[in-house]
Amino acid sequence: LALSSNLPSIFFTLILQALQSHAFFQVAIIAISRLTPISKRSLSIGVITAIGVIFGTGGGPFILGMVADHFSFKMGLLGLGVLTSFSSWLTVFIRED
């Protein structure tokens, strides 16, 4: 989205962002279920989701604003998108039992 400069590319990247956001949370739930024992899964998902909401709705916009103040809003969006996209690849290292 940060690299889009005209209306068709903005439209395309917004659709792509919406599609990827739904896949990202499903991968996180699967990762949590594989990393925690069955007796602690509901507690783990609840705590991790709460922490994610706190940092996602509080920390993310704050960091984005700081980057926008010091560099540019475009750079902040690009960094946030790259960080979110590449953090999904960390699931490759999760072992299956």
PDB file of N, CA and C in Angstrom:
ATOM      1  N   LEU A   1       0.829  -1.187   0.000  1.00  0.00           N
ATOM      2  CA  LEU A   1       0.000   0.000   0.000  1.00  0.00           C
ATOM      3  C   LEU A   1       0.875   1.253   0.000  1.00  0.00           C
ATOM      4  N   ALA A   2       1.980   1.187   0.709  1.00  0.00           N
ATOM      5  CA  ALA A   2       2.856   2.354   0.789  1.00  0.00           C
ATOM      6  C   ALA A   2       3.515   2.677  -0.545  1.00  0.00           C
ATOM      7  N   LEU A   3       3.683   1.681  -1.388  1.00  0.00           N
ATOM      8  CA  LEU A   3       4.336   1.900  -2.675  1.00  0.00           C
ATOM      9  C   LEU A   3       3.351   2.217  -3.790  1.00  0.00           C
ATOM     10  N   SER A   4       2.055   2.232  -3.499  1.00  0.00           N
ATOM     11  CA  SER A   4       1.040   2.528  -4.514  1.00  0.00           C
ATOM     12  C   SER A   4       0.970   4.018  -4.767  1.00  0.00           C
ATOM     13  N   SER A   5       0.853   4.373  -6.053  1.00  0.00           N
ATOM     14  CA  SER A   5       0.829   5.792  -6.380  1.00  0.00           C
ATOM     15  C   SER A   5      -0.411   6.212  -7.166  1.00  0.00           C
ATOM     16  N   ASN A   6      -1.128   5.266  -7.749  1.00  0.00           N
ATOM     17  CA  ASN A   6      -2.335   5.631  -8.481  1.00  0.00           C
ATOM     18  C   ASN A   6      -3.525   4.837  -7.949  1.00  0.00           C
ATOM     19  N   LEU A   7      -4.726   5.224  -8.334  1.00  0.00           N
ATOM     20  CA  LEU A   7      -5.937   4.646  -7.769  1.00  0.00           C
ATOM     21  C   LEU A   7      -6.075   3.143  -8.035  1.00  0.00           C
ATOM     22  N   PRO A   8      -5.809   2.635  -9.238  1.00  0.00           N
ATOM     23  CA  PRO A   8      -5.928   1.182  -9.431  1.00  0.00           C
ATOM     24  C   PRO A   8      -4.964   0.363  -8.555  1.00  0.00           C
ATOM     25  N   SER A   9      -3.744   0.839  -8.382  1.00  0.00           N
ATOM     26  CA  SER A   9      -2.805   0.090  -7.543  1.00  0.00           C
ATOM     27  C   SER A   9      -3.177   0.190  -6.064  1.00  0.00           C
ATOM     28  N   ILE A  10      -3.723   1.327  -5.638  1.00  0.00           N
ATOM     29  CA  ILE A  10      -4.206   1.446  -4.259  1.00  0.00           C
ATOM     30  C   ILE A  10      -5.361   0.488  -4.033  1.00  0.00           C
ATOM     31  N   PHE A  11      -6.287   0.426  -4.989  1.00  0.00           N
ATOM     32  CA  PHE A  11      -7.432  -0.475  -4.900  1.00  0.00           C
ATOM     33  C   PHE A  11      -6.962  -1.930  -4.816  1.00  0.00           C
ATOM     34  N   PHE A  12      -6.018  -2.315  -5.674  1.00  0.00           N
ATOM     35  CA  PHE A  12      -5.491  -3.677  -5.684  1.00  0.00           C
ATOM     36  C   PHE A  12      -4.801  -4.015  -4.363  1.00  0.00           C
ATOM     37  N   THR A  13      -3.982  -3.129  -3.843  1.00  0.00           N
ATOM     38  CA  THR A  13      -3.260  -3.414  -2.604  1.00  0.00           C
ATOM     39  C   THR A  13      -4.191  -3.448  -1.397  1.00  0.00           C
ATOM     40  N   LEU A  14      -5.269  -2.662  -1.412  1.00  0.00           N
ATOM     41  CA  LEU A  14      -6.236  -2.746  -0.317  1.00  0.00           C
ATOM     42  C   LEU A  14      -6.956  -4.087  -0.316  1.00  0.00           C
ATOM     43  N   ILE A  15      -7.278  -4.604  -1.500  1.00  0.00           N
ATOM     44  CA  ILE A  15      -7.903  -5.927  -1.585  1.00  0.00           C
ATOM     45  C   ILE A  15      -6.911  -6.992  -1.122  1.00  0.00           C
ATOM     46  N   LEU A  16      -5.674  -6.889  -1.556  1.00  0.00           N
ATOM     47  CA  LEU A  16      -4.641  -7.833  -1.150  1.00  0.00           C
ATOM     48  C   LEU A  16      -4.410  -7.788   0.359  1.00  0.00           C
ATOM     49  N   GLN A  17      -4.424  -6.600   0.931  1.00  0.00           N
ATOM     50  CA  GLN A  17      -4.249  -6.446   2.374  1.00  0.00           C
ATOM     51  C   GLN A  17      -5.397  -7.105   3.132  1.00  0.00           C
ATOM     52  N   ALA A  18      -6.613  -6.925   2.653  1.00  0.00           N
ATOM     53  CA  ALA A  18      -7.775  -7.533   3.311  1.00  0.00           C
ATOM     54  C   ALA A  18      -7.708  -9.055   3.245  1.00  0.00           C
ATOM     55  N   LEU A  19      -7.278  -9.592   2.127  1.00  0.00           N
ATOM     56  CA  LEU A  19      -7.158 -11.048   2.000  1.00  0.00           C
ATOM     57  C   LEU A  19      -6.068 -11.599   2.914  1.00  0.00           C
ATOM     58  N   GLN A  20      -4.952 -10.922   3.002  1.00  0.00           N
ATOM     59  CA  GLN A  20      -3.846 -11.402   3.828  1.00  0.00           C
ATOM     60  C   GLN A  20      -4.128 -11.258   5.321  1.00  0.00           C
ATOM     61  N   SER A  21      -4.884 -10.260   5.706  1.00  0.00           N
ATOM     62  CA  SER A  21      -5.130 -10.065   7.132  1.00  0.00           C
ATOM     63  C   SER A  21      -5.928 -11.221   7.720  1.00  0.00           C
ATOM     64  N   HIS A  22      -6.836 -11.788   6.952  1.00  0.00           N
ATOM     65  CA  HIS A  22      -7.603 -12.930   7.457  1.00  0.00           C
ATOM     66  C   HIS A  22      -6.723 -14.171   7.576  1.00  0.00           C
ATOM     67  N   ALA A  23      -5.801 -14.363   6.684  1.00  0.00           N
ATOM     68  CA  ALA A  23      -4.909 -15.519   6.745  1.00  0.00           C
ATOM     69  C   ALA A  23      -3.915 -15.382   7.894  1.00  0.00           C
ATOM     70  N   PHE A  24      -3.486 -14.178   8.192  1.00  0.00           N
ATOM     71  CA  PHE A  24      -2.476 -13.962   9.222  1.00  0.00           C
ATOM     72  C   PHE A  24      -2.961 -14.423  10.593  1.00  0.00           C
ATOM     73  N   PHE A  25      -4.195 -14.110  10.956  1.00  0.00           N
ATOM     74  CA  PHE A  25      -4.700 -14.474  12.278  1.00  0.00           C
ATOM     75  C   PHE A  25      -4.946 -15.970  12.389  1.00  0.00           C
ATOM     76  N   GLN A  26      -5.337 -16.618  11.310  1.00  0.00           N
ATOM     77  CA  GLN A  26      -5.524 -18.068  11.343  1.00  0.00           C
ATOM     78  C   GLN A  26      -4.201 -18.780  11.576  1.00  0.00           C
ATOM     79  N   VAL A  27      -3.156 -18.310  10.951  1.00  0.00           N
ATOM     80  CA  VAL A  27      -1.828 -18.889  11.151  1.00  0.00           C
ATOM     81  C   VAL A  27      -1.399 -18.717  12.603  1.00  0.00           C
ATOM     82  N   ALA A  28      -1.690 -17.584  13.189  1.00  0.00           N
ATOM     83  CA  ALA A  28      -1.326 -17.342  14.590  1.00  0.00           C
ATOM     84  C   ALA A  28      -2.048 -18.305  15.525  1.00  0.00           C
ATOM     85  N   ILE A  29      -3.313 -18.552  15.298  1.00  0.00           N
ATOM     86  CA  ILE A  29      -4.074 -19.480  16.145  1.00  0.00           C
ATOM     87  C   ILE A  29      -3.513 -20.895  16.004  1.00  0.00           C
ATOM     88  N   ILE A  30      -3.174 -21.305  14.791  1.00  0.00           N
ATOM     89  CA  ILE A  30      -2.591 -22.627  14.584  1.00  0.00           C
ATOM     90  C   ILE A  30      -1.243 -22.730  15.291  1.00  0.00           C
ATOM     91  N   ALA A  31      -0.432 -21.685  15.195  1.00  0.00           N
ATOM     92  CA  ALA A  31       0.876 -21.689  15.859  1.00  0.00           C
ATOM     93  C   ALA A  31       0.716 -21.799  17.371  1.00  0.00           C
ATOM     94  N   ILE A  32      -0.225 -21.076  17.927  1.00  0.00           N
ATOM     95  CA  ILE A  32      -0.451 -21.138  19.375  1.00  0.00           C
ATOM     96  C   ILE A  32      -0.904 -22.536  19.772  1.00  0.00           C
ATOM     97  N   SER A  33      -1.785 -23.145  18.976  1.00  0.00           N
ATOM     98  CA  SER A  33      -2.271 -24.482  19.334  1.00  0.00           C
ATOM     99  C   SER A  33      -1.175 -25.536  19.242  1.00  0.00           C
ATOM    100  N   ARG A  34      -0.205 -25.339  18.373  1.00  0.00           N
ATOM    101  CA  ARG A  34       0.892 -26.303  18.261  1.00  0.00           C
ATOM    102  C   ARG A  34       1.968 -26.098  19.324  1.00  0.00           C
ATOM    103  N   LEU A  35       2.059 -24.902  19.868  1.00  0.00           N
ATOM    104  CA  LEU A  35       3.114 -24.603  20.838  1.00  0.00           C
ATOM    105  C   LEU A  35       2.685 -24.782  22.290  1.00  0.00           C
ATOM    106  N   THR A  36       1.398 -24.958  22.533  1.00  0.00           N
ATOM    107  CA  THR A  36       0.922 -25.073  23.905  1.00  0.00           C
ATOM    108  C   THR A  36       0.227 -26.414  24.115  1.00  0.00           C
ATOM    109  N   PRO A  37       0.294 -26.940  25.338  1.00  0.00           N
ATOM    110  CA  PRO A  37      -0.431 -28.183  25.611  1.00  0.00           C
ATOM    111  C   PRO A  37      -1.948 -27.937  25.594  1.00  0.00           C
ATOM    112  N   ILE A  38      -2.706 -28.985  25.367  1.00  0.00           N
ATOM    113  CA  ILE A  38      -4.147 -28.845  25.202  1.00  0.00           C
ATOM    114  C   ILE A  38      -4.819 -28.250  26.445  1.00  0.00           C
ATOM    115  N   SER A  39      -4.270 -28.493  27.621  1.00  0.00           N
ATOM    116  CA  SER A  39      -4.879 -27.969  28.846  1.00  0.00           C
ATOM    117  C   SER A  39      -4.704 -26.457  28.991  1.00  0.00           C
ATOM    118  N   LYS A  40      -3.748 -25.876  28.305  1.00  0.00           N
ATOM    119  CA  LYS A  40      -3.469 -24.440  28.411  1.00  0.00           C
ATOM    120  C   LYS A  40      -3.841 -23.658  27.154  1.00  0.00           C
ATOM    121  N   ARG A  41      -4.425 -24.300  26.146  1.00  0.00           N
ATOM    122  CA  ARG A  41      -4.676 -23.628  24.868  1.00  0.00           C
ATOM    123  C   ARG A  41      -5.637 -22.460  24.974  1.00  0.00           C
ATOM    124  N   SER A  42      -6.755 -22.636  25.641  1.00  0.00           N
ATOM    125  CA  SER A  42      -7.734 -21.548  25.703  1.00  0.00           C
ATOM    126  C   SER A  42      -7.166 -20.347  26.453  1.00  0.00           C
ATOM    127  N   LEU A  43      -6.440 -20.610  27.531  1.00  0.00           N
ATOM    128  CA  LEU A  43      -5.813 -19.520  28.284  1.00  0.00           C
ATOM    129  C   LEU A  43      -4.754 -18.828  27.440  1.00  0.00           C
ATOM    130  N   SER A  44      -3.945 -19.614  26.739  1.00  0.00           N
ATOM    131  CA  SER A  44      -2.882 -19.037  25.899  1.00  0.00           C
ATOM    132  C   SER A  44      -3.457 -18.175  24.785  1.00  0.00           C
ATOM    133  N   ILE A  45      -4.474 -18.673  24.108  1.00  0.00           N
ATOM    134  CA  ILE A  45      -5.085 -17.901  23.019  1.00  0.00           C
ATOM    135  C   ILE A  45      -5.708 -16.619  23.559  1.00  0.00           C
ATOM    136  N   GLY A  46      -6.360 -16.688  24.710  1.00  0.00           N
ATOM    137  CA  GLY A  46      -6.952 -15.494  25.305  1.00  0.00           C
ATOM    138  C   GLY A  46      -5.925 -14.444  25.686  1.00  0.00           C
ATOM    139  N   VAL A  47      -4.855 -14.877  26.349  1.00  0.00           N
ATOM    140  CA  VAL A  47      -3.816 -13.939  26.792  1.00  0.00           C
ATOM    141  C   VAL A  47      -3.075 -13.349  25.587  1.00  0.00           C
ATOM    142  N   ILE A  48      -2.701 -14.189  24.635  1.00  0.00           N
ATOM    143  CA  ILE A  48      -1.959 -13.699  23.466  1.00  0.00           C
ATOM    144  C   ILE A  48      -2.823 -12.771  22.624  1.00  0.00           C
ATOM    145  N   THR A  49      -4.111 -13.095  22.495  1.00  0.00           N
ATOM    146  CA  THR A  49      -5.015 -12.217  21.745  1.00  0.00           C
ATOM    147  C   THR A  49      -5.164 -10.867  22.447  1.00  0.00           C
ATOM    148  N   ALA A  50      -5.295 -10.876  23.764  1.00  0.00           N
ATOM    149  CA  ALA A  50      -5.408  -9.619  24.509  1.00  0.00           C
ATOM    150  C   ALA A  50      -4.144  -8.770  24.372  1.00  0.00           C
ATOM    151  N   ILE A  51      -2.986  -9.399  24.482  1.00  0.00           N
ATOM    152  CA  ILE A  51      -1.727  -8.671  24.328  1.00  0.00           C
ATOM    153  C   ILE A  51      -1.592  -8.145  22.906  1.00  0.00           C
ATOM    154  N   GLY A  52      -1.997  -8.955  21.931  1.00  0.00           N
ATOM    155  CA  GLY A  52      -1.950  -8.518  20.538  1.00  0.00           C
ATOM    156  C   GLY A  52      -2.845  -7.322  20.266  1.00  0.00           C
ATOM    157  N   VAL A  53      -4.023  -7.311  20.873  1.00  0.00           N
ATOM    158  CA  VAL A  53      -4.932  -6.175  20.696  1.00  0.00           C
ATOM    159  C   VAL A  53      -4.358  -4.919  21.354  1.00  0.00           C
ATOM    160  N   ILE A  54      -3.793  -5.075  22.540  1.00  0.00           N
ATOM    161  CA  ILE A  54      -3.209  -3.920  23.235  1.00  0.00           C
ATOM    162  C   ILE A  54      -2.077  -3.309  22.416  1.00  0.00           C
ATOM    163  N   PHE A  55      -1.157  -4.151  21.950  1.00  0.00           N
ATOM    164  CA  PHE A  55      -0.032  -3.629  21.176  1.00  0.00           C
ATOM    165  C   PHE A  55      -0.451  -3.251  19.762  1.00  0.00           C
ATOM    166  N   GLY A  56      -1.388  -3.996  19.183  1.00  0.00           N
ATOM    167  CA  GLY A  56      -1.822  -3.704  17.812  1.00  0.00           C
ATOM    168  C   GLY A  56      -2.603  -2.417  17.693  1.00  0.00           C
ATOM    169  N   THR A  57      -3.501  -2.160  18.649  1.00  0.00           N
ATOM    170  CA  THR A  57      -4.297  -0.933  18.577  1.00  0.00           C
ATOM    171  C   THR A  57      -3.655   0.232  19.318  1.00  0.00           C
ATOM    172  N   GLY A  58      -2.665  -0.057  20.148  1.00  0.00           N
ATOM    173  CA  GLY A  58      -1.991   1.009  20.878  1.00  0.00           C
ATOM    174  C   GLY A  58      -0.575   1.245  20.416  1.00  0.00           C
ATOM    175  N   GLY A  59       0.192   0.181  20.354  1.00  0.00           N
ATOM    176  CA  GLY A  59       1.607   0.308  19.991  1.00  0.00           C
ATOM    177  C   GLY A  59       1.848   0.523  18.517  1.00  0.00           C
ATOM    178  N   GLY A  60       1.093  -0.183  17.680  1.00  0.00           N
ATOM    179  CA  GLY A  60       1.275  -0.056  16.230  1.00  0.00           C
ATOM    180  C   GLY A  60       1.069   1.359  15.713  1.00  0.00           C
ATOM    181  N   PRO A  61      -0.071   1.983  16.017  1.00  0.00           N
ATOM    182  CA  PRO A  61      -0.268   3.362  15.567  1.00  0.00           C
ATOM    183  C   PRO A  61       0.728   4.348  16.169  1.00  0.00           C
ATOM    184  N   PHE A  62       1.149   4.098  17.409  1.00  0.00           N
ATOM    185  CA  PHE A  62       2.137   4.980  18.038  1.00  0.00           C
ATOM    186  C   PHE A  62       3.469   4.925  17.289  1.00  0.00           C
ATOM    187  N   ILE A  63       3.937   3.707  17.004  1.00  0.00           N
ATOM    188  CA  ILE A  63       5.199   3.547  16.271  1.00  0.00           C
ATOM    189  C   ILE A  63       5.076   4.094  14.861  1.00  0.00           C
ATOM    190  N   LEU A  64       3.926   3.845  14.226  1.00  0.00           N
ATOM    191  CA  LEU A  64       3.691   4.385  12.889  1.00  0.00           C
ATOM    192  C   LEU A  64       3.742   5.913  12.905  1.00  0.00           C
ATOM    193  N   GLY A  65       3.175   6.536  13.917  1.00  0.00           N
ATOM    194  CA  GLY A  65       3.222   7.984  14.053  1.00  0.00           C
ATOM    195  C   GLY A  65       4.632   8.506  14.289  1.00  0.00           C
ATOM    196  N   MET A  66       5.404   7.779  15.104  1.00  0.00           N
ATOM    197  CA  MET A  66       6.792   8.193  15.356  1.00  0.00           C
ATOM    198  C   MET A  66       7.621   8.128  14.070  1.00  0.00           C
ATOM    199  N   VAL A  67       7.443   7.049  13.303  1.00  0.00           N
ATOM    200  CA  VAL A  67       8.177   6.924  12.040  1.00  0.00           C
ATOM    201  C   VAL A  67       7.720   8.007  11.068  1.00  0.00           C
ATOM    202  N   ALA A  68       6.425   8.286  11.045  1.00  0.00           N
ATOM    203  CA  ALA A  68       5.905   9.332  10.158  1.00  0.00           C
ATOM    204  C   ALA A  68       6.457  10.708  10.536  1.00  0.00           C
ATOM    205  N   ASP A  69       6.603  10.972  11.825  1.00  0.00           N
ATOM    206  CA  ASP A  69       7.171  12.251  12.258  1.00  0.00           C
ATOM    207  C   ASP A  69       8.637  12.395  11.865  1.00  0.00           C
ATOM    208  N   HIS A  70       9.398  11.314  12.019  1.00  0.00           N
ATOM    209  CA  HIS A  70      10.828  11.388  11.761  1.00  0.00           C
ATOM    210  C   HIS A  70      11.206  11.163  10.299  1.00  0.00           C
ATOM    211  N   PHE A  71      10.439  10.347   9.594  1.00  0.00           N
ATOM    212  CA  PHE A  71      10.744  10.047   8.194  1.00  0.00           C
ATOM    213  C   PHE A  71       9.566  10.447   7.321  1.00  0.00           C
ATOM    214  N   SER A  72       8.643   9.517   7.106  1.00  0.00           N
ATOM    215  CA  SER A  72       7.430   9.802   6.342  1.00  0.00           C
ATOM    216  C   SER A  72       6.390   8.732   6.664  1.00  0.00           C
ATOM    217  N   PHE A  73       5.135   9.078   6.430  1.00  0.00           N
ATOM    218  CA  PHE A  73       4.059   8.132   6.668  1.00  0.00           C
ATOM    219  C   PHE A  73       4.196   6.936   5.733  1.00  0.00           C
ATOM    220  N   LYS A  74       4.641   7.195   4.524  1.00  0.00           N
ATOM    221  CA  LYS A  74       4.857   6.131   3.545  1.00  0.00           C
ATOM    222  C   LYS A  74       5.888   5.129   4.056  1.00  0.00           C
ATOM    223  N   MET A  75       6.964   5.606   4.641  1.00  0.00           N
ATOM    224  CA  MET A  75       8.004   4.740   5.181  1.00  0.00           C
ATOM    225  C   MET A  75       7.461   3.914   6.356  1.00  0.00           C
ATOM    226  N   GLY A  76       6.626   4.510   7.189  1.00  0.00           N
ATOM    227  CA  GLY A  76       6.025   3.786   8.309  1.00  0.00           C
ATOM    228  C   GLY A  76       5.111   2.666   7.845  1.00  0.00           C
ATOM    229  N   LEU A  77       4.287   2.956   6.845  1.00  0.00           N
ATOM    230  CA  LEU A  77       3.400   1.925   6.305  1.00  0.00           C
ATOM    231  C   LEU A  77       4.197   0.799   5.654  1.00  0.00           C
ATOM    232  N   LEU A  78       5.241   1.151   4.944  1.00  0.00           N
ATOM    233  CA  LEU A  78       6.076   0.146   4.299  1.00  0.00           C
ATOM    234  C   LEU A  78       6.754  -0.740   5.346  1.00  0.00           C
ATOM    235  N   GLY A  79       7.307  -0.154   6.369  1.00  0.00           N
ATOM    236  CA  GLY A  79       7.950  -0.934   7.427  1.00  0.00           C
ATOM    237  C   GLY A  79       6.980  -1.840   8.160  1.00  0.00           C
ATOM    238  N   LEU A  80       5.799  -1.327   8.456  1.00  0.00           N
ATOM    239  CA  LEU A  80       4.787  -2.131   9.133  1.00  0.00           C
ATOM    240  C   LEU A  80       4.324  -3.286   8.251  1.00  0.00           C
ATOM    241  N   GLY A  81       4.155  -3.028   6.972  1.00  0.00           N
ATOM    242  CA  GLY A  81       3.749  -4.083   6.047  1.00  0.00           C
ATOM    243  C   GLY A  81       4.805  -5.152   5.889  1.00  0.00           C
ATOM    244  N   VAL A  82       6.065  -4.741   5.785  1.00  0.00           N
ATOM    245  CA  VAL A  82       7.166  -5.702   5.655  1.00  0.00           C
ATOM    246  C   VAL A  82       7.288  -6.534   6.932  1.00  0.00           C
ATOM    247  N   LEU A  83       7.207  -5.891   8.082  1.00  0.00           N
ATOM    248  CA  LEU A  83       7.305  -6.603   9.352  1.00  0.00           C
ATOM    249  C   LEU A  83       6.172  -7.619   9.500  1.00  0.00           C
ATOM    250  N   THR A  84       4.962  -7.233   9.173  1.00  0.00           N
ATOM    251  CA  THR A  84       3.822  -8.133   9.273  1.00  0.00           C
ATOM    252  C   THR A  84       3.927  -9.286   8.286  1.00  0.00           C
ATOM    253  N   SER A  85       4.317  -8.984   7.060  1.00  0.00           N
ATOM    254  CA  SER A  85       4.416 -10.031   6.042  1.00  0.00           C
ATOM    255  C   SER A  85       5.510 -11.037   6.359  1.00  0.00           C
ATOM    256  N   PHE A  86       6.680 -10.557   6.729  1.00  0.00           N
ATOM    257  CA  PHE A  86       7.780 -11.474   6.979  1.00  0.00           C
ATOM    258  C   PHE A  86       7.661 -12.209   8.310  1.00  0.00           C
ATOM    259  N   SER A  87       6.895 -11.678   9.250  1.00  0.00           N
ATOM    260  CA  SER A  87       6.719 -12.408  10.508  1.00  0.00           C
ATOM    261  C   SER A  87       5.895 -13.673  10.299  1.00  0.00           C
ATOM    262  N   SER A  88       5.109 -13.740   9.244  1.00  0.00           N
ATOM    263  CA  SER A  88       4.369 -14.957   8.929  1.00  0.00           C
ATOM    264  C   SER A  88       5.308 -16.107   8.584  1.00  0.00           C
ATOM    265  N   TRP A  89       6.463 -15.798   8.030  1.00  0.00           N
ATOM    266  CA  TRP A  89       7.417 -16.840   7.658  1.00  0.00           C
ATOM    267  C   TRP A  89       8.043 -17.516   8.872  1.00  0.00           C
ATOM    268  N   LEU A  90       7.901 -16.935  10.051  1.00  0.00           N
ATOM    269  CA  LEU A  90       8.430 -17.573  11.257  1.00  0.00           C
ATOM    270  C   LEU A  90       7.725 -18.885  11.571  1.00  0.00           C
ATOM    271  N   THR A  91       6.519 -19.071  11.024  1.00  0.00           N
ATOM    272  CA  THR A  91       5.790 -20.314  11.270  1.00  0.00           C
ATOM    273  C   THR A  91       6.475 -21.523  10.639  1.00  0.00           C
ATOM    274  N   VAL A  92       7.381 -21.293   9.724  1.00  0.00           N
ATOM    275  CA  VAL A  92       8.128 -22.396   9.106  1.00  0.00           C
ATOM    276  C   VAL A  92       8.945 -23.130  10.160  1.00  0.00           C
ATOM    277  N   PHE A  93       9.358 -22.448  11.204  1.00  0.00           N
ATOM    278  CA  PHE A  93      10.206 -23.039  12.223  1.00  0.00           C
ATOM    279  C   PHE A  93       9.438 -23.744  13.329  1.00  0.00           C
ATOM    280  N   ILE A  94       8.123 -23.785  13.257  1.00  0.00           N
ATOM    281  CA  ILE A  94       7.321 -24.470  14.270  1.00  0.00           C
ATOM    282  C   ILE A  94       7.335 -25.958  13.978  1.00  0.00           C
ATOM    283  N   ARG A  95       7.707 -26.735  14.970  1.00  0.00           N
ATOM    284  CA  ARG A  95       7.758 -28.191  14.802  1.00  0.00           C
ATOM    285  C   ARG A  95       6.374 -28.785  14.968  1.00  0.00           C
ATOM    286  N   GLU A  96       6.114 -29.840  14.212  1.00  0.00           N
ATOM    287  CA  GLU A  96       4.881 -30.587  14.384  1.00  0.00           C
ATOM    288  C   GLU A  96       5.184 -31.802  15.251  1.00  0.00           C
ATOM    289  N   ASP A  97       4.344 -32.021  16.237  1.00  0.00           N
ATOM    290  CA  ASP A  97       4.556 -33.162  17.134  1.00  0.00           C
ATOM    291  C   ASP A  97       3.703 -34.328  16.737  1.00  0.00           C
TER     292      ASP A  97
END
